[in-house]
C-alpha atoms as a PDB file:
ATOM      1  CA  MET A   1     -19.873 -27.234 -12.218  1.00  0.00           C
ATOM      2  CA  ASP A   2     -20.148 -25.281 -15.487  1.00  0.00           C
ATOM      3  CA  ASN A   3     -21.609 -21.778 -15.801  1.00  0.00           C
ATOM      4  CA  TYR A   4     -24.836 -23.050 -17.395  1.00  0.00           C
ATOM      5  CA  HIS A   5     -25.753 -25.178 -14.386  1.00  0.00           C
ATOM      6  CA  LEU A   6     -24.829 -22.370 -11.990  1.00  0.00           C
ATOM      7  CA  HIS A   7     -27.187 -20.039 -13.875  1.00  0.00           C
ATOM      8  CA  VAL A   8     -30.038 -22.567 -13.717  1.00  0.00           C
ATOM      9  CA  ILE A   9     -29.555 -22.914  -9.959  1.00  0.00           C
ATOM     10  CA  ALA A  10     -29.621 -19.114  -9.606  1.00  0.00           C
ATOM     11  CA  VAL A  11     -32.980 -18.879 -11.373  1.00  0.00           C
ATOM     12  CA  VAL A  12     -34.464 -21.680  -9.263  1.00  0.00           C
ATOM     13  CA  LEU A  13     -33.269 -20.001  -6.067  1.00  0.00           C
ATOM     14  CA  TYR A  14     -34.727 -16.679  -7.186  1.00  0.00           C
ATOM     15  CA  PHE A  15     -38.226 -18.092  -7.513  1.00  0.00           C
ATOM     16  CA  ASN A  16     -37.977 -19.996  -4.225  1.00  0.00           C
ATOM     17  CA  LEU A  17     -36.371 -17.373  -2.014  1.00  0.00           C
ATOM     18  CA  PRO A  18     -38.689 -15.678   0.499  1.00  0.00           C
ATOM     19  CA  GLY A  19     -40.486 -12.820  -1.221  1.00  0.00           C
ATOM     20  CA  SER A  20     -40.744 -14.370  -4.652  1.00  0.00           C
ATOM     21  CA  VAL A  21     -44.375 -15.106  -3.917  1.00  0.00           C
ATOM     22  CA  GLY A  22     -46.678 -14.284  -1.031  1.00  0.00           C
ATOM     23  CA  THR A  23     -49.465 -12.087   0.275  1.00  0.00           C
ATOM     24  CA  LYS A  24     -49.410  -8.320   0.187  1.00  0.00           C
ATOM     25  CA  SER A  25     -47.313  -6.887   2.977  1.00  0.00           C
ATOM     26  CA  GLN A  26     -46.667  -3.257   3.836  1.00  0.00           C
ATOM     27  CA  GLN A  27     -45.473  -4.027   7.370  1.00  0.00           C
ATOM     28  CA  ILE A  28     -42.523  -1.916   8.449  1.00  0.00           C
ATOM     29  CA  LEU A  29     -39.821  -4.064   9.966  1.00  0.00           C
ATOM     30  CA  PRO A  30     -37.698  -2.659  12.815  1.00  0.00           C
ATOM     31  CA  ALA A  31     -35.030  -0.526  11.182  1.00  0.00           C
ATOM     32  CA  THR A  32     -31.412  -1.444  11.555  1.00  0.00           C
ATOM     33  CA  HIS A  33     -28.353   0.762  11.376  1.00  0.00           C
ATOM     34  CA  HIS A  34     -25.900  -2.093  11.538  1.00  0.00           C
ATOM     35  CA  HIS A  35     -24.079  -3.621   8.618  1.00  0.00           C
ATOM     36  CA  SER A  36     -26.614  -5.440   6.478  1.00  0.00           C
ATOM     37  CA  GLU A  37     -26.793  -9.191   6.768  1.00  0.00           C
ATOM     38  CA  CYS A  38     -26.899  -9.773   3.031  1.00  0.00           C
ATOM     39  CA  ARG A  39     -25.594 -13.145   1.946  1.00  0.00           C
ATOM     40  CA  TRP A  40     -23.317 -13.153  -1.076  1.00  0.00           C
ATOM     41  CA  ASP A  41     -22.043 -16.441  -2.451  1.00  0.00           C
ATOM     42  CA  GLY A  42     -19.149 -14.740  -4.196  1.00  0.00           C
ATOM     43  CA  GLN A  43     -20.273 -15.773  -7.659  1.00  0.00           C
ATOM     44  CA  PHE A  44     -23.794 -14.847  -8.763  1.00  0.00           C
ATOM     45  CA  LEU A  45     -26.364 -14.794  -5.909  1.00  0.00           C
ATOM     46  CA  LEU A  46     -27.045 -11.942  -3.438  1.00  0.00           C
ATOM     47  CA  ASN A  47     -29.786 -12.524  -0.840  1.00  0.00           C
ATOM     48  CA  CYS A  48     -30.762  -9.491   1.264  1.00  0.00           C
ATOM     49  CA  SER A  49     -34.333 -10.568   2.058  1.00  0.00           C
ATOM     50  CA  PHE A  50     -35.614 -10.020   5.624  1.00  0.00           C
ATOM     51  CA  THR A  51     -32.528  -7.989   6.576  1.00  0.00           C
ATOM     52  CA  ARG A  52     -34.506  -4.836   7.547  1.00  0.00           C
ATOM     53  CA  ILE A  53     -32.534  -2.616   5.160  1.00  0.00           C
ATOM     54  CA  SER A  54     -34.127   0.681   4.098  1.00  0.00           C
ATOM     55  CA  THR A  55     -31.789   1.452   1.191  1.00  0.00           C
ATOM     56  CA  ILE A  56     -30.088  -0.535  -1.528  1.00  0.00           C
ATOM     57  CA  PRO A  57     -26.653  -1.675  -0.264  1.00  0.00           C
ATOM     58  CA  GLU A  58     -23.943   0.583  -1.672  1.00  0.00           C
ATOM     59  CA  ASP A  59     -21.597  -2.365  -2.051  1.00  0.00           C
ATOM     60  CA  LEU A  60     -24.043  -4.324  -4.212  1.00  0.00           C
ATOM     61  CA  SER A  61     -21.819  -6.344  -6.507  1.00  0.00           C
ATOM     62  CA  GLN A  62     -21.981  -5.444 -10.169  1.00  0.00           C
ATOM     63  CA  ILE A  63     -21.299  -9.056 -11.091  1.00  0.00           C
ATOM     64  CA  ALA A  64     -24.362 -10.412  -9.247  1.00  0.00           C
ATOM     65  CA  VAL A  65     -26.759 -12.288 -11.532  1.00  0.00           C
ATOM     66  CA  THR A  66     -29.608 -12.672  -9.017  1.00  0.00           C
ATOM     67  CA  ALA A  67     -30.458 -10.184  -6.231  1.00  0.00           C
ATOM     68  CA  ASP A  68     -33.257 -10.727  -3.691  1.00  0.00           C
ATOM     69  CA  LEU A  69     -34.068  -7.545  -1.726  1.00  0.00           C
ATOM     70  CA  SER A  70     -37.594  -8.568  -0.734  1.00  0.00           C
ATOM     71  CA  TYR A  71     -39.353  -8.059   2.613  1.00  0.00           C
ATOM     72  CA  ASN A  72     -37.467  -4.965   3.719  1.00  0.00           C
ATOM     73  CA  ASN A  73     -38.133  -1.243   4.321  1.00  0.00           C
ATOM     74  CA  ILE A  74     -36.844   0.063   0.982  1.00  0.00           C
ATOM     75  CA  LYS A  75     -38.760   3.189  -0.090  1.00  0.00           C
ATOM     76  CA  THR A  76     -36.813   4.277  -3.160  1.00  0.00           C
ATOM     77  CA  PHE A  77     -34.935   2.487  -5.900  1.00  0.00           C
ATOM     78  CA  VAL A  78     -32.792   4.203  -8.521  1.00  0.00           C
ATOM     79  CA  CYS A  79     -31.169   1.972 -11.103  1.00  0.00           C
ATOM     80  CA  SER A  80     -28.198   4.131 -12.011  1.00  0.00           C
ATOM     81  CA  ASP A  81     -25.754   5.380  -9.396  1.00  0.00           C
ATOM     82  CA  GLY A  82     -24.263   7.977 -11.730  1.00  0.00           C
ATOM     83  CA  ARG A  83     -21.666   5.640 -13.176  1.00  0.00           C
ATOM     84  CA  ASN A  84     -21.882   4.210 -16.667  1.00  0.00           C
ATOM     85  CA  GLU A  85     -20.805   0.673 -15.784  1.00  0.00           C
ATOM     86  CA  GLU A  86     -23.186  -2.045 -16.896  1.00  0.00           C
ATOM     87  CA  TRP A  87     -24.357  -4.587 -14.336  1.00  0.00           C
ATOM     88  CA  MET A  88     -24.629  -8.335 -14.935  1.00  0.00           C
ATOM     89  CA  LEU A  89     -27.951  -8.546 -13.048  1.00  0.00           C
ATOM     90  CA  LYS A  90     -30.609 -10.771 -14.671  1.00  0.00           C
ATOM     91  CA  HIS A  91     -33.108 -11.300 -11.830  1.00  0.00           C
ATOM     92  CA  LEU A  92     -34.107  -8.583  -9.344  1.00  0.00           C
ATOM     93  CA  ASN A  93     -36.646  -9.119  -6.553  1.00  0.00           C
ATOM     94  CA  LEU A  94     -37.865  -5.941  -4.791  1.00  0.00           C
ATOM     95  CA  SER A  95     -41.200  -7.358  -3.662  1.00  0.00           C
ATOM     96  CA  ASN A  96     -42.804  -6.535  -0.312  1.00  0.00           C
ATOM     97  CA  ASN A  97     -41.040  -3.258   0.370  1.00  0.00           C
ATOM     98  CA  LEU A  98     -42.374   0.303   0.809  1.00  0.00           C
ATOM     99  CA  ILE A  99     -41.807   1.714  -2.694  1.00  0.00           C
ATOM    100  CA  SER A 100     -44.534   4.171  -3.753  1.00  0.00           C
ATOM    101  CA  GLU A 101     -43.039   5.739  -6.891  1.00  0.00           C
ATOM    102  CA  LEU A 102     -40.610   4.213  -9.328  1.00  0.00           C
ATOM    103  CA  THR A 103     -39.016   5.242 -12.590  1.00  0.00           C
ATOM    104  CA  LEU A 104     -37.361   2.718 -14.864  1.00  0.00           C
ATOM    105  CA  THR A 105     -36.090   5.323 -17.310  1.00  0.00           C
ATOM    106  CA  THR A 106     -32.692   5.466 -15.578  1.00  0.00           C
ATOM    107  CA  CYS A 107     -32.096   1.725 -15.870  1.00  0.00           C
ATOM    108  CA  THR A 108     -29.633   2.004 -18.738  1.00  0.00           C
ATOM    109  CA  ASN A 109     -27.066   0.118 -16.644  1.00  0.00           C
ATOM    110  CA  LEU A 110     -29.212  -3.053 -16.530  1.00  0.00           C
ATOM    111  CA  PRO A 111     -29.142  -4.302 -20.135  1.00  0.00           C
ATOM    112  CA  ASN A 112     -29.253  -7.964 -19.047  1.00  0.00           C
ATOM    113  CA  LEU A 113     -32.207  -7.767 -16.634  1.00  0.00           C
ATOM    114  CA  GLU A 114     -34.773 -10.470 -17.503  1.00  0.00           C
ATOM    115  CA  THR A 115     -37.123 -10.575 -14.480  1.00  0.00           C
ATOM    116  CA  LEU A 116     -38.216  -7.705 -12.218  1.00  0.00           C
ATOM    117  CA  ASN A 117     -40.477  -8.415  -9.231  1.00  0.00           C
ATOM    118  CA  LEU A 118     -42.091  -5.298  -7.695  1.00  0.00           C
ATOM    119  CA  SER A 119     -45.104  -7.023  -6.142  1.00  0.00           C
ATOM    120  CA  GLY A 120     -46.447  -6.130  -2.714  1.00  0.00           C
ATOM    121  CA  ASN A 121     -45.263  -2.522  -2.563  1.00  0.00           C
ATOM    122  CA  ALA A 122     -47.347   0.682  -2.550  1.00  0.00           C
ATOM    123  CA  ILE A 123     -46.561   1.782  -6.101  1.00  0.00           C
ATOM    124  CA  HIS A 124     -49.046   4.283  -7.513  1.00  0.00           C
ATOM    125  CA  THR A 125     -46.730   5.713 -10.183  1.00  0.00           C
ATOM    126  CA  LEU A 126     -44.525   3.623 -12.468  1.00  0.00           C
ATOM    127  CA  THR A 127     -42.704   5.713 -15.062  1.00  0.00           C
ATOM    128  CA  LEU A 128     -41.402   4.141 -18.247  1.00  0.00           C
ATOM    129  CA  GLU A 129     -41.460   6.974 -20.757  1.00  0.00           C
ATOM    130  CA  MET A 130     -38.586   9.435 -20.828  1.00  0.00           C
ATOM    131  CA  LEU A 131     -38.083  12.568 -22.912  1.00  0.00           C
ATOM    132  CA  ILE A 132     -34.601  13.042 -24.325  1.00  0.00           C
ATOM    133  CA  PRO A 133     -33.213  15.974 -26.370  1.00  0.00           C
ATOM    134  CA  ALA A 134     -33.590  15.341 -30.086  1.00  0.00           C
ATOM    135  CA  GLN A 135     -30.304  15.477 -31.985  1.00  0.00           C
ATOM    136  CA  GLY A 136     -29.567  18.961 -33.283  1.00  0.00           C
ATOM    137  CA  SER A 137     -32.769  20.359 -31.806  1.00  0.00           C
ATOM    138  CA  LYS A 138     -34.137  21.884 -28.619  1.00  0.00           C
ATOM    139  CA  LYS A 139     -37.184  19.648 -28.946  1.00  0.00           C
ATOM    140  CA  TYR A 140     -37.549  16.396 -27.060  1.00  0.00           C
ATOM    141  CA  SER A 141     -38.329  12.898 -28.252  1.00  0.00           C
ATOM    142  CA  ILE A 142     -39.257   9.744 -26.346  1.00  0.00           C
ATOM    143  CA  VAL A 143     -36.568   7.085 -25.866  1.00  0.00           C
ATOM    144  CA  ASP A 144     -37.399   4.140 -28.139  1.00  0.00           C
ATOM    145  CA  ARG A 145     -36.378   1.220 -25.910  1.00  0.00           C
ATOM    146  CA  LEU A 146     -35.853   0.343 -22.263  1.00  0.00           C
ATOM    147  CA  LEU A 147     -34.491  -2.692 -20.397  1.00  0.00           C
ATOM    148  CA  PRO A 148     -33.953  -4.576 -23.677  1.00  0.00           C
ATOM    149  CA  ALA A 149     -33.767  -8.059 -22.098  1.00  0.00           C
ATOM    150  CA  LEU A 150     -36.714  -7.780 -19.667  1.00  0.00           C
ATOM    151  CA  LYS A 151     -39.147 -10.680 -20.159  1.00  0.00           C
ATOM    152  CA  VAL A 152     -41.111 -10.786 -16.888  1.00  0.00           C
ATOM    153  CA  LEU A 153     -42.487  -7.764 -14.995  1.00  0.00           C
ATOM    154  CA  SER A 154     -44.576  -8.238 -11.854  1.00  0.00           C
ATOM    155  CA  VAL A 155     -46.354  -5.282 -10.203  1.00  0.00           C
ATOM    156  CA  GLU A 156     -49.057  -7.258  -8.409  1.00  0.00           C
ATOM    157  CA  ARG A 157     -50.572  -6.006  -5.138  1.00  0.00           C
ATOM    158  CA  ASN A 158     -49.744  -2.325  -5.583  1.00  0.00           C
ATOM    159  CA  ASN A 159     -51.815   0.871  -5.906  1.00  0.00           C
ATOM    160  CA  LEU A 160     -51.831   1.387  -9.672  1.00  0.00           C
ATOM    161  CA  ASN A 161     -55.094   2.822 -11.046  1.00  0.00           C
ATOM    162  CA  THR A 162     -53.973   2.782 -14.683  1.00  0.00           C
ATOM    163  CA  VAL A 163     -51.773   0.578 -16.831  1.00  0.00           C
ATOM    164  CA  PRO A 164     -48.265   2.127 -16.811  1.00  0.00           C
ATOM    165  CA  ARG A 165     -47.636   4.156 -19.962  1.00  0.00           C
ATOM    166  CA  GLY A 166     -44.750   3.104 -22.182  1.00  0.00           C
ATOM    167  CA  LEU A 167     -44.855  -0.673 -21.777  1.00  0.00           C
ATOM    168  CA  GLY A 168     -44.077  -0.887 -25.492  1.00  0.00           C
ATOM    169  CA  LEU A 169     -40.555   0.310 -24.704  1.00  0.00           C
ATOM    170  CA  LEU A 170     -39.952  -3.072 -23.051  1.00  0.00           C
ATOM    171  CA  GLN A 171     -39.455  -4.784 -26.374  1.00  0.00           C
ATOM    172  CA  SER A 172     -38.723  -8.260 -24.971  1.00  0.00           C
ATOM    173  CA  LEU A 173     -41.578  -8.297 -22.429  1.00  0.00           C
ATOM    174  CA  GLN A 174     -43.472 -11.612 -22.497  1.00  0.00           C
ATOM    175  CA  THR A 175     -45.198 -11.830 -19.091  1.00  0.00           C
ATOM    176  CA  LEU A 176     -46.921  -8.972 -17.248  1.00  0.00           C
ATOM    177  CA  HIS A 177     -48.505  -9.467 -13.814  1.00  0.00           C
ATOM    178  CA  MET A 178     -50.730  -6.580 -12.632  1.00  0.00           C
ATOM    179  CA  SER A 179     -53.312  -8.352 -10.471  1.00  0.00           C
ATOM    180  CA  SER A 180     -54.673  -6.846  -7.241  1.00  0.00           C
ATOM    181  CA  ASN A 181     -54.312  -3.181  -8.125  1.00  0.00           C
ATOM    182  CA  ALA A 182     -56.995  -0.530  -8.707  1.00  0.00           C
ATOM    183  CA  ILE A 183     -56.908  -0.407 -12.518  1.00  0.00           C
ATOM    184  CA  GLN A 184     -60.270   0.839 -13.818  1.00  0.00           C
ATOM    185  CA  GLN A 185     -60.032   0.521 -17.589  1.00  0.00           C
ATOM    186  CA  ILE A 186     -57.835  -0.701 -20.423  1.00  0.00           C
ATOM    187  CA  ASP A 187     -57.175   1.980 -23.032  1.00  0.00           C
ATOM    188  CA  PRO A 188     -56.341   1.410 -26.725  1.00  0.00           C
ATOM    189  CA  LYS A 189     -52.659   2.337 -26.381  1.00  0.00           C
ATOM    190  CA  ASP A 190     -51.928   0.626 -23.058  1.00  0.00           C
ATOM    191  CA  PHE A 191     -50.224  -2.347 -24.732  1.00  0.00           C
ATOM    192  CA  GLN A 192     -49.206  -0.657 -27.969  1.00  0.00           C
ATOM    193  CA  ASN A 193     -46.013  -2.153 -29.459  1.00  0.00           C
ATOM    194  CA  CYS A 194     -45.865  -4.931 -26.832  1.00  0.00           C
ATOM    195  CA  LEU A 195     -45.229  -7.325 -29.685  1.00  0.00           C
ATOM    196  CA  GLN A 196     -43.730 -10.159 -27.611  1.00  0.00           C
ATOM    197  CA  LEU A 197     -46.339 -10.132 -24.833  1.00  0.00           C
ATOM    198  CA  LYS A 198     -47.847 -13.594 -24.226  1.00  0.00           C
ATOM    199  CA  ASP A 199     -49.359 -13.503 -20.733  1.00  0.00           C
ATOM    200  CA  ILE A 200     -51.237 -10.672 -18.957  1.00  0.00           C
ATOM    201  CA  ASP A 201     -52.675 -11.061 -15.455  1.00  0.00           C
ATOM    202  CA  LEU A 202     -55.315  -8.420 -14.627  1.00  0.00           C
ATOM    203  CA  ARG A 203     -57.225 -10.276 -11.924  1.00  0.00           C
ATOM    204  CA  ASN A 204     -58.661  -8.477  -8.893  1.00  0.00           C
ATOM    205  CA  ASN A 205     -58.726  -4.975 -10.328  1.00  0.00           C
ATOM    206  CA  LYS A 206     -61.652  -2.568 -10.756  1.00  0.00           C
ATOM    207  CA  ILE A 207     -61.913  -2.778 -14.531  1.00  0.00           C
ATOM    208  CA  THR A 208     -65.221  -1.622 -16.009  1.00  0.00           C
ATOM    209  CA  LYS A 209     -64.107  -0.978 -19.587  1.00  0.00           C
ATOM    210  CA  ILE A 210     -61.768  -2.610 -22.098  1.00  0.00           C
ATOM    211  CA  ASP A 211     -61.279  -0.782 -25.386  1.00  0.00           C
ATOM    212  CA  PRO A 212     -61.926  -3.000 -28.449  1.00  0.00           C
ATOM    213  CA  ASP A 213     -58.432  -2.196 -29.767  1.00  0.00           C
ATOM    214  CA  ALA A 214     -56.634  -2.696 -26.444  1.00  0.00           C
ATOM    215  CA  PHE A 215     -54.878  -5.918 -27.498  1.00  0.00           C
ATOM    216  CA  ARG A 216     -54.656  -5.195 -31.219  1.00  0.00           C
ATOM    217  CA  ASP A 217     -50.849  -5.431 -31.487  1.00  0.00           C
ATOM    218  CA  LEU A 218     -50.544  -8.570 -29.363  1.00  0.00           C
ATOM    219  CA  ASN A 219     -50.215 -11.288 -31.992  1.00  0.00           C
ATOM    220  CA  ASN A 220     -48.373 -13.563 -29.542  1.00  0.00           C
ATOM    221  CA  LEU A 221     -50.900 -13.163 -26.729  1.00  0.00           C
ATOM    222  CA  GLN A 222     -51.901 -16.525 -25.266  1.00  0.00           C
ATOM    223  CA  VAL A 223     -53.414 -15.789 -21.836  1.00  0.00           C
ATOM    224  CA  VAL A 224     -55.381 -12.860 -20.377  1.00  0.00           C
ATOM    225  CA  LYS A 225     -56.324 -13.527 -16.760  1.00  0.00           C
ATOM    226  CA  GLN A 226     -59.276 -11.349 -15.737  1.00  0.00           C
ATOM    227  CA  TYR A 227     -61.659 -13.562 -13.833  1.00  0.00           C
ATOM    228  CA  SER A 228     -63.008 -10.824 -11.551  1.00  0.00           C
ATOM    229  CA  CYS A 229     -64.334  -8.900 -14.584  1.00  0.00           C
ATOM    230  CA  PHE A 230     -65.288 -11.839 -16.790  1.00  0.00           C
ATOM    231  CA  ASN A 231     -68.312 -10.075 -18.311  1.00  0.00           C
ATOM    232  CA  ILE A 232     -66.193  -7.092 -19.361  1.00  0.00           C
ATOM    233  CA  LEU A 233     -63.580  -9.339 -20.964  1.00  0.00           C
ATOM    234  CA  TRP A 234     -66.250 -11.433 -22.721  1.00  0.00           C
ATOM    235  CA  SER A 235     -67.783  -8.256 -24.139  1.00  0.00           C
ATOM    236  CA  TRP A 236     -64.375  -7.322 -25.543  1.00  0.00           C
ATOM    237  CA  ILE A 237     -63.983 -10.785 -27.108  1.00  0.00           C
ATOM    238  CA  SER A 238     -67.476 -10.555 -28.634  1.00  0.00           C
ATOM    239  CA  VAL A 239     -66.678  -7.195 -30.238  1.00  0.00           C
ATOM    240  CA  LYS A 240     -63.434  -8.556 -31.720  1.00  0.00           C
ATOM    241  CA  MET A 241     -65.305 -11.508 -33.243  1.00  0.00           C
ATOM    242  CA  LEU A 242     -67.772  -9.289 -35.123  1.00  0.00           C
END
């Protein structure tokens, strides 16, 4: 079987493995101190779902294309382990764990990552922006890009009360799922520079205000799902049509 068909199978398995979809779950599974029961097919797929692990396996293969770590007790996730080696990972599922804070600014070793599923955690802080020393100066500037291949980001069923700052750094982002959080308003710069964004899911939040310029840069936008605040969204559409 050629590499193309193997990759297609990996993507299909990713979206059908336990944890790819489901209801919000913060249940703590009984911890285990034994060797994890992760299943590795030796080629591209690592499945650690429902293995009760509380940390990312240290022996996680750098050649894995798809990794499912859903439905566990993981509280922290740090992309880089201090080494500069780039990983082959394209699909990462961390849904239904116990993560409360997460920074993606250290994910320089995941240049191929296309889908990131963080749904069903307890995330209240998602950091994308990072200050770096400006060349030849003691001043700092913001990094201009992050996870260059990322197309799908899901942070549904978490505890976010604002749209994460710095989404524009994800220059390939096309689909953003943020339903079932506690987001209260959409500010003018929330989606600034998200030029490839096509689909935004904001259902089941607490949105009372959408700035008229909130989606100004989104020329490719096709779908905004916000049924629970339909009147607010319709008001925004009416203003844009004036």
